[in-house]
């Protein structure tokens, strides 16, 4: 259960530009981070835009989108079920 929560938190942070990319970490601690190039491609700076549009992560983003859709669908079903149950009582 903890792994699911950790993944959800990471996704939530990324969607709100709070994921600690190298670019953000350099802003916080300039003295520790000299180069902020993406460690996967070594070409672009690692910021939110690069992580989102980097082609090698496309499958992971599709998985994130599908997981979010599934969770939203389940939450809506649960909410509608509770509302229906309340109306019957």
Protein backbone atom coordinates (compact mmCIF):
# COMPACT_ATOMS: atom_id res chain seq x y z
CA UNK A 1 0.00 0.00 0.00
CA UNK A 2 2.87 2.38 0.78
CA UNK A 3 4.29 1.98 -2.74
CA UNK A 4 0.96 2.99 -4.27
CA UNK A 5 0.81 6.08 -2.03
CA UNK A 6 4.41 7.02 -2.84
CA UNK A 7 3.71 6.79 -6.58
CA UNK A 8 0.54 8.86 -6.19
CA UNK A 9 2.47 11.53 -4.27
CA UNK A 10 5.17 11.64 -6.96
CA UNK A 11 2.55 12.04 -9.68
CA UNK A 12 0.78 14.73 -7.68
CA UNK A 13 4.02 16.63 -7.13
CA UNK A 14 4.89 16.44 -10.81
CA UNK A 15 1.51 17.73 -11.91
CA UNK A 16 1.96 20.70 -9.56
CA UNK A 17 5.58 21.40 -10.58
CA UNK A 18 6.84 20.27 -7.18
CA UNK A 19 8.92 17.26 -8.23
CA UNK A 20 12.55 17.90 -7.28
CA UNK A 21 14.10 17.96 -10.75
CA UNK A 22 17.77 18.87 -11.04
CA UNK A 23 16.73 22.34 -12.19
CA UNK A 24 14.68 22.88 -9.01
CA UNK A 25 17.35 21.34 -6.78
CA UNK A 26 19.95 23.71 -8.25
CA UNK A 27 17.70 26.66 -7.38
CA UNK A 28 17.53 25.42 -3.80
CA UNK A 29 21.21 24.50 -3.39
CA UNK A 30 23.26 26.17 -6.10
CA UNK A 31 26.50 25.10 -4.39
CA UNK A 32 25.68 21.37 -4.75
CA UNK A 33 24.45 21.17 -8.33
CA UNK A 34 26.72 22.41 -11.09
CA UNK A 35 25.32 20.65 -14.13
CA UNK A 36 21.59 20.07 -14.43
CA UNK A 37 21.65 18.01 -17.62
CA UNK A 38 19.22 15.11 -17.74
CA UNK A 39 21.02 11.96 -16.62
CA UNK A 40 19.12 9.92 -19.22
CA UNK A 41 20.01 11.89 -22.37
CA UNK A 42 22.79 14.23 -21.18
CA UNK A 43 21.55 16.84 -23.68
CA UNK A 44 18.73 18.90 -22.15
CA UNK A 45 18.41 20.44 -18.71
CA UNK A 46 16.30 18.28 -16.41
CA UNK A 47 13.20 20.34 -15.77
CA UNK A 48 9.48 19.54 -15.74
CA UNK A 49 9.04 20.16 -19.46
CA UNK A 50 11.93 17.88 -20.37
CA UNK A 51 10.64 15.08 -18.15
CA UNK A 52 7.16 15.37 -19.64
CA UNK A 53 8.18 15.53 -23.30
CA UNK A 54 11.25 13.26 -23.22
CA UNK A 55 10.42 10.51 -25.72
CA UNK A 56 12.01 7.71 -23.67
CA UNK A 57 9.47 8.35 -20.89
CA UNK A 58 6.39 8.27 -23.13
CA UNK A 59 5.31 4.78 -21.96
CA UNK A 60 5.69 5.79 -18.33
CA UNK A 61 3.53 8.89 -18.88
CA UNK A 62 0.86 6.77 -20.56
CA UNK A 63 0.91 4.49 -17.52
CA UNK A 64 0.58 7.51 -15.19
CA UNK A 65 -2.34 8.87 -17.24
CA UNK A 66 -4.09 5.48 -17.22
CA UNK A 67 -3.58 5.12 -13.46
CA UNK A 68 -5.00 8.59 -12.82
CA UNK A 69 -7.98 7.86 -15.08
CA UNK A 70 -8.63 4.55 -13.29
CA UNK A 71 -8.45 6.19 -9.85
CA UNK A 72 -10.78 9.01 -10.93
CA UNK A 73 -13.24 6.53 -12.40
CA UNK A 74 -13.21 4.51 -9.18
CA UNK A 75 -13.67 7.60 -7.02
CA UNK A 76 -16.65 8.71 -9.13
CA UNK A 77 -18.21 5.24 -8.94
CA UNK A 78 -17.77 5.19 -5.18
CA UNK A 79 -19.22 8.68 -4.83
CA UNK A 80 -22.23 7.86 -7.01
CA UNK A 81 -22.76 4.60 -5.15
CA UNK A 82 -22.75 6.42 -1.80
CA UNK A 83 -25.15 9.05 -3.11
CA UNK A 84 -27.49 6.37 -4.46
CA UNK A 85 -27.34 4.52 -1.14
CA UNK A 86 -28.19 7.71 0.77
CA UNK A 87 -31.18 8.38 -1.49
CA UNK A 88 -32.56 4.89 -0.85
CA UNK A 89 -32.47 5.35 2.93
